[in-house]
Amino acid sequence: MENFTPIASTVGGLLIGLAASLMLLLHGRIAGISGIVGGLLKPRAGDMSWRLLFVSGLIAGGLAFAFNRPEVVADDLDRSLVAIAAAGLLVGVGTRMGSGCTSGHGVCGLSRFSVRSAVAVATFMTTGIITVWFSQQVLRGEL
């Protein structure tokens, strides 16, 4: 519980919810990151600028946070670059198979009471918990 930050976490969650709501209300679009980035990979006329701005904002926000609070994003993982790349690839494959990501299903889908999103969130949360447990057991030499 050394990193317990209920106020910052609540404010962050509220900001994510507000941003997703504004995107849906003002632009009629779901704030699903994988879908937004996927649209950049298969460009359509008149559909690139908002996607580029959205992704640029995500990157700029992360960089600004890392610049102002570098201790929060310190890289102290004891994983190899190959393991991290494999994990990223598996996340990408899972996102494709699940037709969306945590932002699309977890934030936007659940708030719209989508049964499909509820199943997707339950699936990837369960899979994530099992994966972390398993990898920790392997690292400790208990499996």
N, C-alpha and C. Protein backbone atom coordinates (compact mmCIF):
# COMPACT_ATOMS: atom_id res chain seq x y z
N MET A 1 0.82 -1.20 0.00
CA MET A 1 0.00 0.00 0.00
C MET A 1 0.86 1.26 0.00
N GLU A 2 2.13 1.14 -0.32
CA GLU A 2 3.00 2.31 -0.32
C GLU A 2 2.70 3.27 -1.45
N ASN A 3 2.06 2.80 -2.51
CA ASN A 3 1.71 3.66 -3.64
C ASN A 3 0.22 3.95 -3.71
N PHE A 4 -0.46 3.89 -2.60
CA PHE A 4 -1.90 4.13 -2.53
C PHE A 4 -2.18 5.62 -2.73
N THR A 5 -2.85 5.96 -3.82
CA THR A 5 -3.11 7.37 -4.16
C THR A 5 -4.58 7.56 -4.51
N PRO A 6 -5.47 7.50 -3.53
CA PRO A 6 -6.90 7.55 -3.86
C PRO A 6 -7.35 8.87 -4.48
N ILE A 7 -6.80 9.98 -4.06
CA ILE A 7 -7.24 11.26 -4.61
C ILE A 7 -6.76 11.41 -6.06
N ALA A 8 -5.48 11.18 -6.29
CA ALA A 8 -4.94 11.29 -7.66
C ALA A 8 -5.62 10.28 -8.58
N SER A 9 -5.86 9.07 -8.08
CA SER A 9 -6.51 8.04 -8.91
C SER A 9 -7.95 8.43 -9.24
N THR A 10 -8.66 8.98 -8.28
CA THR A 10 -10.04 9.40 -8.52
C THR A 10 -10.09 10.54 -9.52
N VAL A 11 -9.22 11.53 -9.35
CA VAL A 11 -9.17 12.65 -10.29
C VAL A 11 -8.81 12.15 -11.69
N GLY A 12 -7.83 11.26 -11.79
CA GLY A 12 -7.45 10.70 -13.09
C GLY A 12 -8.60 9.96 -13.74
N GLY A 13 -9.30 9.14 -12.96
CA GLY A 13 -10.45 8.41 -13.48
C GLY A 13 -11.55 9.34 -13.96
N LEU A 14 -11.80 10.39 -13.18
CA LEU A 14 -12.81 11.38 -13.59
C LEU A 14 -12.43 12.08 -14.89
N LEU A 15 -11.15 12.40 -15.04
CA LEU A 15 -10.69 13.05 -16.27
C LEU A 15 -10.80 12.11 -17.48
N ILE A 16 -10.48 10.85 -17.27
CA ILE A 16 -10.64 9.87 -18.37
C ILE A 16 -12.10 9.75 -18.76
N GLY A 17 -12.97 9.63 -17.77
CA GLY A 17 -14.41 9.54 -18.04
C GLY A 17 -14.95 10.79 -18.73
N LEU A 18 -14.49 11.95 -18.28
CA LEU A 18 -14.92 13.20 -18.89
C LEU A 18 -14.46 13.28 -20.35
N ALA A 19 -13.20 12.94 -20.60
CA ALA A 19 -12.68 12.98 -21.96
C ALA A 19 -13.44 12.01 -22.87
N ALA A 20 -13.69 10.80 -22.38
CA ALA A 20 -14.42 9.81 -23.19
C ALA A 20 -15.85 10.28 -23.45
N SER A 21 -16.47 10.87 -22.45
CA SER A 21 -17.84 11.37 -22.61
C SER A 21 -17.90 12.52 -23.60
N LEU A 22 -16.95 13.45 -23.49
CA LEU A 22 -16.92 14.58 -24.41
C LEU A 22 -16.67 14.13 -25.85
N MET A 23 -15.81 13.15 -26.00
CA MET A 23 -15.54 12.65 -27.36
C MET A 23 -16.81 12.04 -27.97
N LEU A 24 -17.55 11.30 -27.16
CA LEU A 24 -18.78 10.69 -27.66
C LEU A 24 -19.86 11.74 -27.90
N LEU A 25 -20.04 12.65 -26.96
CA LEU A 25 -21.09 13.67 -27.08
C LEU A 25 -20.82 14.69 -28.17
N LEU A 26 -19.57 15.14 -28.27
CA LEU A 26 -19.25 16.21 -29.22
C LEU A 26 -18.88 15.72 -30.61
N HIS A 27 -18.34 14.50 -30.68
CA HIS A 27 -17.86 14.01 -31.98
C HIS A 27 -18.51 12.69 -32.41
N GLY A 28 -19.29 12.09 -31.52
CA GLY A 28 -19.95 10.83 -31.86
C GLY A 28 -18.99 9.66 -32.03
N ARG A 29 -17.83 9.74 -31.39
CA ARG A 29 -16.80 8.71 -31.53
C ARG A 29 -16.48 8.09 -30.18
N ILE A 30 -16.16 6.80 -30.22
CA ILE A 30 -15.74 6.07 -29.03
C ILE A 30 -14.24 6.31 -28.82
N ALA A 31 -13.84 6.60 -27.60
CA ALA A 31 -12.43 6.86 -27.30
C ALA A 31 -11.68 5.55 -27.05
N GLY A 32 -11.72 4.66 -28.02
CA GLY A 32 -10.99 3.40 -27.95
C GLY A 32 -9.65 3.57 -28.63
N ILE A 33 -8.59 3.48 -27.87
CA ILE A 33 -7.26 3.78 -28.39
C ILE A 33 -6.89 2.85 -29.55
N SER A 34 -7.18 1.57 -29.41
CA SER A 34 -6.78 0.64 -30.49
C SER A 34 -7.51 0.96 -31.79
N GLY A 35 -8.75 1.36 -31.71
CA GLY A 35 -9.48 1.73 -32.91
C GLY A 35 -8.98 3.02 -33.52
N ILE A 36 -8.61 3.95 -32.66
CA ILE A 36 -8.09 5.23 -33.14
C ILE A 36 -6.74 5.02 -33.84
N VAL A 37 -5.85 4.27 -33.20
CA VAL A 37 -4.55 3.99 -33.81
C VAL A 37 -4.72 3.12 -35.05
N GLY A 38 -5.62 2.15 -35.00
CA GLY A 38 -5.89 1.31 -36.17
C GLY A 38 -6.33 2.13 -37.37
N GLY A 39 -7.09 3.20 -37.12
CA GLY A 39 -7.51 4.09 -38.20
C GLY A 39 -6.36 4.86 -38.81
N LEU A 40 -5.28 5.03 -38.04
CA LEU A 40 -4.08 5.67 -38.60
C LEU A 40 -3.33 4.72 -39.51
N LEU A 41 -3.44 3.43 -39.23
CA LEU A 41 -2.73 2.44 -40.03
C LEU A 41 -3.44 2.16 -41.35
N LYS A 42 -4.75 2.39 -41.38
CA LYS A 42 -5.53 2.25 -42.61
C LYS A 42 -6.24 3.58 -42.85
N PRO A 43 -5.51 4.57 -43.33
CA PRO A 43 -6.06 5.93 -43.44
C PRO A 43 -7.21 6.05 -44.43
N ARG A 44 -8.16 6.92 -44.04
CA ARG A 44 -9.27 7.28 -44.92
C ARG A 44 -9.27 8.80 -45.04
N ALA A 45 -9.66 9.29 -46.18
CA ALA A 45 -9.67 10.73 -46.42
C ALA A 45 -10.54 11.44 -45.39
N GLY A 46 -10.01 12.54 -44.83
CA GLY A 46 -10.76 13.34 -43.86
C GLY A 46 -10.85 12.75 -42.47
N ASP A 47 -10.15 11.67 -42.23
CA ASP A 47 -10.27 10.97 -40.95
C ASP A 47 -8.95 10.92 -40.18
N MET A 48 -7.93 11.58 -40.70
CA MET A 48 -6.61 11.46 -40.10
C MET A 48 -6.32 12.51 -39.04
N SER A 49 -6.76 13.74 -39.25
CA SER A 49 -6.32 14.83 -38.38
C SER A 49 -6.73 14.62 -36.93
N TRP A 50 -7.98 14.27 -36.68
CA TRP A 50 -8.40 14.10 -35.29
C TRP A 50 -7.70 12.92 -34.64
N ARG A 51 -7.46 11.86 -35.43
CA ARG A 51 -6.74 10.70 -34.89
C ARG A 51 -5.30 11.07 -34.51
N LEU A 52 -4.63 11.80 -35.40
CA LEU A 52 -3.26 12.24 -35.13
C LEU A 52 -3.21 13.15 -33.90
N LEU A 53 -4.17 14.06 -33.79
CA LEU A 53 -4.22 14.95 -32.63
C LEU A 53 -4.46 14.16 -31.34
N PHE A 54 -5.35 13.19 -31.40
CA PHE A 54 -5.66 12.39 -30.21
C PHE A 54 -4.43 11.62 -29.75
N VAL A 55 -3.78 10.91 -30.68
CA VAL A 55 -2.60 10.12 -30.33
C VAL A 55 -1.45 11.05 -29.90
N SER A 56 -1.29 12.18 -30.57
CA SER A 56 -0.25 13.15 -30.18
C SER A 56 -0.50 13.66 -28.76
N GLY A 57 -1.76 13.88 -28.42
CA GLY A 57 -2.10 14.31 -27.06
C GLY A 57 -1.76 13.26 -26.02
N LEU A 58 -2.00 12.00 -26.35
CA LEU A 58 -1.64 10.92 -25.43
C LEU A 58 -0.13 10.88 -25.19
N ILE A 59 0.61 10.98 -26.28
CA ILE A 59 2.08 10.94 -26.18
C ILE A 59 2.60 12.17 -25.45
N ALA A 60 2.09 13.36 -25.81
CA ALA A 60 2.54 14.59 -25.18
C ALA A 60 2.21 14.59 -23.69
N GLY A 61 1.03 14.11 -23.35
CA GLY A 61 0.65 14.04 -21.93
C GLY A 61 1.56 13.12 -21.15
N GLY A 62 1.88 11.97 -21.73
CA GLY A 62 2.79 11.03 -21.07
C GLY A 62 4.18 11.60 -20.91
N LEU A 63 4.67 12.26 -21.95
CA LEU A 63 6.00 12.87 -21.89
C LEU A 63 6.04 14.01 -20.87
N ALA A 64 5.00 14.83 -20.85
CA ALA A 64 4.95 15.93 -19.88
C ALA A 64 4.93 15.39 -18.45
N PHE A 65 4.17 14.34 -18.23
CA PHE A 65 4.12 13.73 -16.90
C PHE A 65 5.48 13.14 -16.52
N ALA A 66 6.11 12.45 -17.46
CA ALA A 66 7.42 11.85 -17.20
C ALA A 66 8.47 12.92 -16.94
N PHE A 67 8.37 14.05 -17.60
CA PHE A 67 9.31 15.14 -17.40
C PHE A 67 9.14 15.78 -16.02
N ASN A 68 7.89 15.96 -15.61
CA ASN A 68 7.60 16.62 -14.34
C ASN A 68 7.68 15.69 -13.13
N ARG A 69 7.43 14.43 -13.32
CA ARG A 69 7.45 13.45 -12.22
C ARG A 69 8.21 12.19 -12.64
N PRO A 70 9.49 12.29 -12.96
CA PRO A 70 10.23 11.13 -13.49
C PRO A 70 10.28 9.94 -12.54
N GLU A 71 10.18 10.19 -11.25
CA GLU A 71 10.23 9.07 -10.29
C GLU A 71 9.01 8.16 -10.42
N VAL A 72 7.93 8.68 -10.92
CA VAL A 72 6.71 7.88 -11.05
C VAL A 72 6.81 6.90 -12.21
N VAL A 73 7.53 7.26 -13.24
CA VAL A 73 7.64 6.41 -14.41
C VAL A 73 9.04 5.81 -14.56
N ALA A 74 9.72 5.68 -13.44
CA ALA A 74 11.08 5.11 -13.48
C ALA A 74 11.05 3.70 -14.03
N ASP A 75 12.04 3.38 -14.83
CA ASP A 75 12.14 2.07 -15.46
C ASP A 75 12.95 1.13 -14.59
N ASP A 76 12.26 0.40 -13.73
CA ASP A 76 12.97 -0.54 -12.86
C ASP A 76 12.51 -1.98 -13.09
N LEU A 77 12.02 -2.23 -14.31
CA LEU A 77 11.58 -3.59 -14.64
C LEU A 77 12.79 -4.49 -14.85
N ASP A 78 12.67 -5.69 -14.36
CA ASP A 78 13.75 -6.66 -14.54
C ASP A 78 13.38 -7.65 -15.65
N ARG A 79 12.82 -7.11 -16.73
CA ARG A 79 12.44 -7.92 -17.88
C ARG A 79 13.34 -7.55 -19.06
N SER A 80 13.57 -8.50 -19.92
CA SER A 80 14.38 -8.24 -21.10
C SER A 80 13.56 -7.50 -22.14
N LEU A 81 14.25 -6.87 -23.07
CA LEU A 81 13.59 -6.17 -24.17
C LEU A 81 12.75 -7.15 -25.00
N VAL A 82 13.23 -8.37 -25.15
CA VAL A 82 12.49 -9.39 -25.89
C VAL A 82 11.18 -9.72 -25.18
N ALA A 83 11.22 -9.86 -23.86
CA ALA A 83 10.01 -10.16 -23.09
C ALA A 83 9.00 -9.02 -23.19
N ILE A 84 9.49 -7.79 -23.12
CA ILE A 84 8.61 -6.63 -23.22
C ILE A 84 8.00 -6.54 -24.61
N ALA A 85 8.81 -6.78 -25.64
CA ALA A 85 8.30 -6.76 -27.02
C ALA A 85 7.28 -7.88 -27.24
N ALA A 86 7.54 -9.06 -26.70
CA ALA A 86 6.59 -10.18 -26.82
C ALA A 86 5.28 -9.84 -26.11
N ALA A 87 5.38 -9.24 -24.94
CA ALA A 87 4.18 -8.85 -24.20
C ALA A 87 3.36 -7.84 -25.00
N GLY A 88 4.04 -6.86 -25.59
CA GLY A 88 3.35 -5.87 -26.41
C GLY A 88 2.67 -6.49 -27.61
N LEU A 89 3.34 -7.44 -28.24
CA LEU A 89 2.77 -8.14 -29.38
C LEU A 89 1.53 -8.94 -28.96
N LEU A 90 1.61 -9.62 -27.83
CA LEU A 90 0.46 -10.38 -27.34
C LEU A 90 -0.71 -9.47 -26.99
N VAL A 91 -0.43 -8.31 -26.43
CA VAL A 91 -1.50 -7.34 -26.14
C VAL A 91 -2.16 -6.90 -27.44
N GLY A 92 -1.33 -6.63 -28.46
CA GLY A 92 -1.88 -6.23 -29.75
C GLY A 92 -2.75 -7.31 -30.37
N VAL A 93 -2.31 -8.55 -30.31
CA VAL A 93 -3.09 -9.67 -30.84
C VAL A 93 -4.39 -9.82 -30.06
N GLY A 94 -4.31 -9.73 -28.74
CA GLY A 94 -5.51 -9.84 -27.91
C GLY A 94 -6.49 -8.71 -28.17
N THR A 95 -5.97 -7.53 -28.38
CA THR A 95 -6.82 -6.38 -28.69
C THR A 95 -7.56 -6.60 -30.00
N ARG A 96 -6.85 -7.13 -30.98
CA ARG A 96 -7.46 -7.41 -32.28
C ARG A 96 -8.53 -8.50 -32.15
N MET A 97 -8.19 -9.57 -31.41
CA MET A 97 -9.14 -10.68 -31.23
C MET A 97 -10.38 -10.23 -30.47
N GLY A 98 -10.20 -9.33 -29.50
CA GLY A 98 -11.32 -8.86 -28.68
C GLY A 98 -12.04 -7.68 -29.28
N SER A 99 -11.64 -7.27 -30.48
CA SER A 99 -12.25 -6.13 -31.19
C SER A 99 -12.26 -4.87 -30.33
N GLY A 100 -11.18 -4.66 -29.60
CA GLY A 100 -11.09 -3.44 -28.81
C GLY A 100 -10.16 -3.59 -27.63
N CYS A 101 -9.96 -2.48 -26.93
CA CYS A 101 -8.99 -2.44 -25.84
C CYS A 101 -9.67 -2.00 -24.54
N THR A 102 -8.87 -1.79 -23.53
CA THR A 102 -9.41 -1.41 -22.22
C THR A 102 -10.12 -0.06 -22.27
N SER A 103 -9.65 0.85 -23.08
CA SER A 103 -10.33 2.14 -23.16
C SER A 103 -11.66 2.01 -23.89
N GLY A 104 -11.66 1.29 -24.99
CA GLY A 104 -12.90 1.13 -25.75
C GLY A 104 -13.93 0.29 -25.02
N HIS A 105 -13.51 -0.88 -24.55
CA HIS A 105 -14.45 -1.76 -23.84
C HIS A 105 -14.63 -1.34 -22.38
N GLY A 106 -13.52 -1.10 -21.69
CA GLY A 106 -13.57 -0.85 -20.25
C GLY A 106 -14.16 0.48 -19.88
N VAL A 107 -13.76 1.54 -20.55
CA VAL A 107 -14.27 2.86 -20.20
C VAL A 107 -15.56 3.16 -20.95
N CYS A 108 -15.52 3.04 -22.26
CA CYS A 108 -16.67 3.43 -23.08
C CYS A 108 -17.76 2.36 -23.14
N GLY A 109 -17.35 1.11 -23.32
CA GLY A 109 -18.35 0.04 -23.45
C GLY A 109 -19.12 -0.23 -22.17
N LEU A 110 -18.42 -0.31 -21.06
CA LEU A 110 -19.10 -0.56 -19.78
C LEU A 110 -20.03 0.59 -19.41
N SER A 111 -19.61 1.81 -19.70
CA SER A 111 -20.47 2.96 -19.37
C SER A 111 -21.73 2.99 -20.23
N ARG A 112 -21.71 2.29 -21.37
CA ARG A 112 -22.91 2.19 -22.23
C ARG A 112 -23.66 0.89 -21.98
N PHE A 113 -23.26 0.16 -20.91
CA PHE A 113 -23.89 -1.11 -20.53
C PHE A 113 -23.84 -2.15 -21.64
N SER A 114 -22.74 -2.19 -22.37
CA SER A 114 -22.56 -3.16 -23.44
C SER A 114 -22.20 -4.52 -22.85
N VAL A 115 -23.02 -5.53 -23.15
CA VAL A 115 -22.75 -6.89 -22.67
C VAL A 115 -21.46 -7.41 -23.29
N ARG A 116 -21.25 -7.12 -24.56
CA ARG A 116 -20.03 -7.55 -25.25
C ARG A 116 -18.79 -6.97 -24.55
N SER A 117 -18.87 -5.71 -24.15
CA SER A 117 -17.75 -5.09 -23.45
C SER A 117 -17.56 -5.69 -22.07
N ALA A 118 -18.64 -6.01 -21.39
CA ALA A 118 -18.53 -6.63 -20.06
C ALA A 118 -17.81 -7.98 -20.16
N VAL A 119 -18.15 -8.75 -21.18
CA VAL A 119 -17.49 -10.04 -21.39
C VAL A 119 -16.02 -9.82 -21.73
N ALA A 120 -15.73 -8.85 -22.59
CA ALA A 120 -14.35 -8.56 -22.98
C ALA A 120 -13.53 -8.12 -21.77
N VAL A 121 -14.07 -7.23 -20.95
CA VAL A 121 -13.35 -6.75 -19.76
C VAL A 121 -13.10 -7.89 -18.79
N ALA A 122 -14.11 -8.70 -18.54
CA ALA A 122 -13.94 -9.84 -17.64
C ALA A 122 -12.87 -10.79 -18.16
N THR A 123 -12.85 -10.98 -19.47
CA THR A 123 -11.87 -11.88 -20.08
C THR A 123 -10.46 -11.33 -19.96
N PHE A 124 -10.25 -10.06 -20.36
CA PHE A 124 -8.87 -9.59 -20.30
C PHE A 124 -8.39 -9.28 -18.90
N MET A 125 -9.28 -8.96 -17.97
CA MET A 125 -8.85 -8.78 -16.57
C MET A 125 -8.46 -10.13 -15.97
N THR A 126 -9.25 -11.16 -16.21
CA THR A 126 -8.93 -12.49 -15.70
C THR A 126 -7.63 -13.00 -16.30
N THR A 127 -7.48 -12.82 -17.60
CA THR A 127 -6.25 -13.25 -18.28
C THR A 127 -5.04 -12.50 -17.74
N GLY A 128 -5.18 -11.20 -17.52
CA GLY A 128 -4.09 -10.40 -16.98
C GLY A 128 -3.70 -10.84 -15.58
N ILE A 129 -4.67 -11.10 -14.73
CA ILE A 129 -4.40 -11.54 -13.36
C ILE A 129 -3.67 -12.88 -13.37
N ILE A 130 -4.14 -13.80 -14.17
CA ILE A 130 -3.50 -15.13 -14.26
C ILE A 130 -2.08 -14.99 -14.82
N THR A 131 -1.90 -14.14 -15.82
CA THR A 131 -0.58 -13.95 -16.42
C THR A 131 0.41 -13.38 -15.42
N VAL A 132 0.00 -12.37 -14.67
CA VAL A 132 0.90 -11.78 -13.66
C VAL A 132 1.23 -12.81 -12.59
N TRP A 133 0.23 -13.52 -12.11
CA TRP A 133 0.47 -14.53 -11.07
C TRP A 133 1.46 -15.58 -11.58
N PHE A 134 1.20 -16.08 -12.79
CA PHE A 134 2.06 -17.12 -13.36
C PHE A 134 3.49 -16.62 -13.54
N SER A 135 3.64 -15.42 -14.12
CA SER A 135 5.00 -14.90 -14.35
C SER A 135 5.74 -14.64 -13.05
N GLN A 136 5.03 -14.21 -12.02
CA GLN A 136 5.68 -14.01 -10.72
C GLN A 136 6.14 -15.35 -10.12
N GLN A 137 5.33 -16.37 -10.29
CA GLN A 137 5.71 -17.69 -9.79
C GLN A 137 6.95 -18.20 -10.51
N VAL A 138 7.01 -18.00 -11.81
CA VAL A 138 8.17 -18.44 -12.60
C VAL A 138 9.42 -17.65 -12.17
N LEU A 139 9.28 -16.32 -12.00
CA LEU A 139 10.44 -15.52 -11.60
C LEU A 139 10.97 -15.92 -10.22
N ARG A 140 10.07 -16.31 -9.34
CA ARG A 140 10.49 -16.73 -8.00
C ARG A 140 11.00 -18.17 -7.97
N GLY A 141 10.85 -18.86 -9.08
CA GLY A 141 11.28 -20.26 -9.15
C GLY A 141 10.34 -21.21 -8.45
N GLU A 142 9.10 -20.80 -8.24
CA GLU A 142 8.12 -21.63 -7.55
C GLU A 142 7.33 -22.52 -8.49
N LEU A 143 7.51 -22.34 -9.78
CA LEU A 143 6.84 -23.21 -10.76
C LEU A 143 7.86 -23.89 -11.64
